[in-house]
Structure formats: structure tokens, C-alpha cells
Amino acid sequence: MKKRLNLICLGIVLAVLVSMSFLFSTFYYGFKAGIDAYEQGAAGVEKLDVTYKMIGTMPTDVITNETATAINEKDGSTVSILPFISMIGVPNEKADATDSIFLSLLDWMVMICCIYAIVQFVKMIRNIHRNIIFDWANVKRLRRLGFSLILSFCCSLVTFAINNHLVSQAISLKDCDFSIAFQFSDPTLLIGFTALLFAEIFAIGLKMKEENDLTI
């Protein structure tokens, strides 16, 4: 039974890490791009006068869409790409520094929430391995896990919404509308509400157990 529990817990951890891998990779490449730009500026290398922002889009014409293209290195042909989540360069003169600071704070909030959620999950699994299962401490950890994941999703959604608004003020994309709809495919929101559901199930079970103990 413990072996099956370990496999389930491992699967949950992997699912959470996979769902957050996109976040961590974009954070890493964004941080690396900032360092590279600083080093190039210090070395006197001319850099592009743009700020990259992550946006969500929804193609309006799937058949003849030419919003984005890439080169097929196998035969040198050009292939069309339907962008749903993209990094787009906005001229620096149209990028607001205040917005950038606020967006950076949101990114850090997402990172902190995700790490906090993982810590709560690990602590709960540690209790389960110690045969401490139906306990109020686990209920609290499940609630913290759920709320932190939901907050992480909300911060990420707000980031996309702000970026979409800022970019739409400076850029208009052919055959494409700015949209945050694709962001709802992120499983973080579902995992968060599932954790809250299990927290309430645990809480109901504990209350029933306490009532039964009092009647005996």
C-alpha cells in the first residue's frame, strides 16, 4: 500500500513540476537575456532597443494565417506557426518602466507561490509516511497548497492580461487577436481547487470522527 502511495505522490509531484516547467524556463531565459544585454552594453556591443513581453494570442484565420513563420532547416522552406503564447519585442520607448517593475513582482509572486505549494505538499507526504493521515495539520497544508496554486495562476493570468494590453497599444497583429483564453489550459488552477476539495473532505471526515468520539 505504501508503494502505491509513493507512486501516486511521485506522479503528482511530476505533474506539478511539468506544469511549472514552462514558468521556470521562461523565468530563466528572461533572466539570462537581461544578463546578456547588460554584458553586451558594458562591452560596447549595440543591442536591440526592444523589451520582450510574453503575450497570449488567438489566431482568427487558421487556414491562411501568416502571423508567424519559421524556416524548415530540412528543406529551407517557410512554415506557418499559429501563435498562442509568444514572446514579442516592444520598442523601449513604448514600454513603461513602472509596468515592468509591477510585472516583475507578479513573476516573483508566481515563483514564491509555486515553491510554497511544493513545500506544503512535501510536508503533507512526510506526515502520511509517518501514518499521520487524517489530521488537522494535513487539512491546513492542503488548504495552503490549494490557495497558493490558485494565487499563482491568478498572478500569471494578470501578467498575461497586462502584457496583452500593453502590447496591443503599440502593435497590431495580422490574423490574430490578443487573448488570455489559452492560459486557462494551465492545470495549476485545477490542481489548486482539487487540493481545496480534498482539504474539505478531510475536514468533514475529521469532524465526523470527533463527533463519534464524543458520543462514545
Protein backbone atom coordinates (compact mmCIF):
# COMPACT_ATOMS: atom_id res chain seq x y z
CA MET A 1 0.00 0.00 0.00
CA LYS A 2 2.87 2.37 0.81
CA LYS A 3 4.44 1.55 -2.55
CA ARG A 4 1.26 2.54 -4.37
CA LEU A 5 1.05 5.73 -2.31
CA ASN A 6 4.65 6.58 -3.17
CA LEU A 7 3.94 6.11 -6.88
CA ILE A 8 0.86 8.34 -6.70
CA CYS A 9 2.78 11.04 -4.82
CA LEU A 10 5.61 10.83 -7.33
CA GLY A 11 3.10 11.23 -10.16
CA ILE A 12 1.57 14.31 -8.50
CA VAL A 13 4.99 15.89 -7.95
CA LEU A 14 5.97 15.25 -11.58
CA ALA A 15 2.65 16.68 -12.81
CA VAL A 16 3.16 19.86 -10.76
CA LEU A 17 6.77 20.21 -11.90
CA VAL A 18 5.83 19.69 -15.55
CA SER A 19 3.04 22.28 -15.27
CA MET A 20 5.55 24.74 -13.79
CA SER A 21 8.44 23.89 -16.14
CA PHE A 22 7.23 26.49 -18.65
CA LEU A 23 7.21 29.13 -15.93
CA PHE A 24 10.70 28.29 -14.69
CA SER A 25 12.13 28.09 -18.22
CA THR A 26 10.71 31.48 -19.23
CA PHE A 27 11.97 32.99 -15.99
CA TYR A 28 15.43 31.55 -16.62
CA TYR A 29 15.64 32.70 -20.24
CA GLY A 30 14.27 36.12 -19.35
CA PHE A 31 16.86 36.50 -16.58
CA LYS A 32 19.62 35.24 -18.89
CA ALA A 33 18.55 37.67 -21.62
CA GLY A 34 18.77 40.53 -19.13
CA ILE A 35 22.29 39.49 -18.06
CA ASP A 36 23.41 39.11 -21.69
CA ALA A 37 22.02 42.53 -22.58
CA TYR A 38 23.87 44.10 -19.64
CA GLU A 39 27.15 42.40 -20.59
CA GLN A 40 26.78 43.41 -24.23
CA GLY A 41 26.10 47.01 -23.20
CA ALA A 42 29.16 47.00 -20.93
CA ALA A 43 31.25 45.64 -23.80
CA GLY A 44 30.03 48.37 -26.15
CA VAL A 45 28.01 45.99 -28.33
CA GLU A 46 24.97 47.61 -29.89
CA LYS A 47 21.82 45.96 -28.63
CA LEU A 48 18.27 45.87 -29.89
CA ASP A 49 16.19 48.71 -28.49
CA VAL A 50 13.26 46.46 -27.58
CA THR A 51 11.71 44.89 -24.49
CA TYR A 52 10.36 41.35 -24.83
CA LYS A 53 6.96 40.58 -23.33
CA MET A 54 5.08 37.31 -23.13
CA ILE A 55 1.61 37.54 -24.64
CA GLY A 56 -1.35 35.30 -25.36
CA THR A 57 -2.97 35.36 -28.78
CA MET A 58 -5.74 33.58 -30.64
CA PRO A 59 -5.46 33.12 -34.44
CA THR A 60 -8.54 34.35 -36.28
CA ASP A 61 -7.74 32.68 -39.60
CA VAL A 62 -6.34 29.16 -39.21
CA ILE A 63 -6.27 28.32 -42.94
CA THR A 64 -4.41 31.32 -44.38
CA ASN A 65 -2.75 32.55 -41.19
CA GLU A 66 0.61 34.19 -41.82
CA THR A 67 1.10 35.84 -38.44
CA ALA A 68 4.29 33.91 -37.69
CA THR A 69 6.66 31.84 -39.81
CA ALA A 70 9.79 29.78 -39.30
CA ILE A 71 12.40 28.25 -41.58
CA ASN A 72 12.33 24.47 -42.04
CA GLU A 73 16.04 23.58 -41.96
CA LYS A 74 15.41 20.21 -43.63
CA ASP A 75 14.49 21.75 -46.98
CA GLY A 76 14.77 25.52 -46.45
CA SER A 77 11.04 26.08 -46.85
CA THR A 78 8.96 28.50 -44.79
CA VAL A 79 6.31 27.10 -42.49
CA SER A 80 3.48 28.95 -40.77
CA ILE A 81 3.15 28.97 -36.99
CA LEU A 82 -0.07 29.56 -35.09
CA PRO A 83 0.96 31.56 -32.00
CA PHE A 84 -0.94 31.03 -28.76
CA ILE A 85 1.74 32.04 -26.26
CA SER A 86 4.60 34.11 -27.68
CA MET A 87 7.47 36.40 -26.76
CA ILE A 88 7.20 39.65 -28.70
CA GLY A 89 9.54 42.62 -28.85
CA VAL A 90 8.10 46.04 -27.99
CA PRO A 91 10.12 49.22 -28.70
CA ASN A 92 11.61 50.53 -25.47
CA GLU A 93 10.18 54.00 -25.97
CA LYS A 94 6.71 52.44 -25.77
CA ALA A 95 7.49 50.25 -22.74
CA ASP A 96 6.65 51.70 -19.33
CA ALA A 97 9.27 51.06 -16.61
CA THR A 98 6.59 51.12 -13.90
CA ASP A 99 4.69 48.36 -15.66
CA SER A 100 7.88 46.32 -15.97
CA ILE A 101 8.52 46.56 -12.22
CA PHE A 102 4.94 45.52 -11.43
CA LEU A 103 5.15 42.60 -13.87
CA SER A 104 8.45 41.50 -12.32
CA LEU A 105 6.79 41.49 -8.89
CA LEU A 106 4.00 39.32 -10.28
CA ASP A 107 6.55 36.90 -11.74
CA TRP A 108 8.29 36.65 -8.37
CA MET A 109 4.92 36.10 -6.68
CA VAL A 110 4.21 33.20 -9.02
CA MET A 111 7.60 31.66 -8.26
CA ILE A 112 7.14 32.04 -4.50
CA CYS A 113 3.63 30.57 -4.58
CA CYS A 114 4.77 27.54 -6.58
CA ILE A 115 7.71 26.84 -4.28
CA TYR A 116 5.49 27.30 -1.23
CA ALA A 117 2.96 24.84 -2.69
CA ILE A 118 5.66 22.22 -3.25
CA VAL A 119 6.91 22.65 0.32
CA GLN A 120 3.39 22.15 1.72
CA PHE A 121 2.90 19.04 -0.40
CA VAL A 122 6.22 17.54 0.71
CA LYS A 123 5.37 18.19 4.39
CA MET A 124 1.99 16.52 3.95
CA ILE A 125 3.56 13.45 2.31
CA ARG A 126 6.07 13.29 5.16
CA ASN A 127 3.16 13.16 7.63
CA ILE A 128 1.45 10.44 5.62
CA HIS A 129 4.61 8.32 5.70
CA ARG A 130 4.54 8.74 9.48
CA ASN A 131 0.96 7.38 9.45
CA ILE A 132 -0.40 10.86 10.28
CA ILE A 133 -3.13 10.99 7.64
CA PHE A 134 -6.47 12.27 8.91
CA ASP A 135 -5.09 15.17 10.88
CA TRP A 136 -5.91 18.88 11.02
CA ALA A 137 -2.30 19.68 10.11
CA ASN A 138 -2.80 17.95 6.75
CA VAL A 139 -6.05 19.85 6.23
CA LYS A 140 -4.22 23.14 6.75
CA ARG A 141 -1.43 22.10 4.38
CA LEU A 142 -3.90 21.08 1.69
CA ARG A 143 -5.66 24.44 2.02
CA ARG A 144 -2.36 26.31 1.84
CA LEU A 145 -1.37 24.21 -1.17
CA GLY A 146 -4.66 24.95 -2.93
CA PHE A 147 -4.71 28.67 -2.22
CA SER A 148 -1.05 29.12 -3.22
CA LEU A 149 -1.60 27.37 -6.57
CA ILE A 150 -4.75 29.38 -7.27
CA LEU A 151 -2.92 32.61 -6.38
CA SER A 152 -0.06 31.55 -8.66
CA PHE A 153 -2.49 31.01 -11.53
CA CYS A 154 -4.21 34.37 -10.91
CA CYS A 155 -0.89 36.24 -10.88
CA SER A 156 0.15 34.52 -14.10
CA LEU A 157 -3.20 35.34 -15.70
CA VAL A 158 -2.92 39.00 -14.66
CA THR A 159 0.60 39.11 -16.13
CA PHE A 160 -0.66 37.86 -19.50
CA ALA A 161 -3.60 40.28 -19.41
CA ILE A 162 -1.35 43.27 -18.68
CA ASN A 163 1.18 42.25 -21.32
CA ASN A 164 -1.61 41.81 -23.87
CA HIS A 165 -2.95 45.27 -23.08
CA LEU A 166 0.47 46.95 -23.23
CA VAL A 167 1.48 45.26 -26.46
CA SER A 168 -1.90 45.95 -28.09
CA GLN A 169 -1.30 49.68 -27.54
CA ALA A 170 1.84 49.55 -29.68
CA ILE A 171 1.40 46.58 -32.02
CA SER A 172 -1.43 45.14 -34.11
CA LEU A 173 -1.04 41.55 -35.31
CA LYS A 174 -2.41 40.34 -38.63
CA ASP A 175 -4.93 37.46 -38.44
CA CYS A 176 -4.55 37.36 -34.67
CA ASP A 177 -6.37 38.71 -31.63
CA PHE A 178 -4.87 39.23 -28.20
CA SER A 179 -6.40 36.67 -25.85
CA ILE A 180 -5.75 35.00 -22.49
CA ALA A 181 -8.02 32.03 -23.27
CA PHE A 182 -5.13 29.60 -23.85
CA GLN A 183 -3.78 30.39 -20.38
CA PHE A 184 -6.76 28.56 -18.86
CA SER A 185 -5.29 25.29 -20.16
CA ASP A 186 -2.73 25.62 -17.36
CA PRO A 187 -3.53 22.74 -14.92
CA THR A 188 -2.40 24.81 -11.91
CA LEU A 189 -5.91 26.16 -11.33
CA LEU A 190 -7.49 22.68 -11.45
CA ILE A 191 -4.84 21.23 -9.11
CA GLY A 192 -5.42 24.10 -6.68
CA PHE A 193 -9.18 23.58 -6.49
CA THR A 194 -8.66 19.80 -6.25
CA ALA A 195 -6.40 20.35 -3.22
CA LEU A 196 -9.09 22.52 -1.61
CA LEU A 197 -11.69 19.83 -2.33
CA PHE A 198 -9.59 17.16 -0.61
CA ALA A 199 -8.96 19.55 2.29
CA GLU A 200 -12.71 19.89 2.86
CA ILE A 201 -13.22 16.11 2.55
CA PHE A 202 -10.51 15.58 5.18
CA ALA A 203 -12.10 18.25 7.38
CA ILE A 204 -15.57 16.67 7.17
CA GLY A 205 -14.09 13.26 7.98
CA LEU A 206 -12.23 14.65 11.00
CA LYS A 207 -15.35 16.42 12.32
CA MET A 208 -17.39 13.22 11.97
CA LYS A 209 -14.66 11.29 13.80
CA GLU A 210 -14.56 13.86 16.62
CA GLU A 211 -18.37 13.74 16.96
CA ASN A 212 -18.31 9.95 17.11
CA ASP A 213 -15.59 10.03 19.75
CA LEU A 214 -17.70 12.38 21.87
CA THR A 215 -20.80 10.15 21.66
CA ILE A 216 -18.91 7.03 22.76
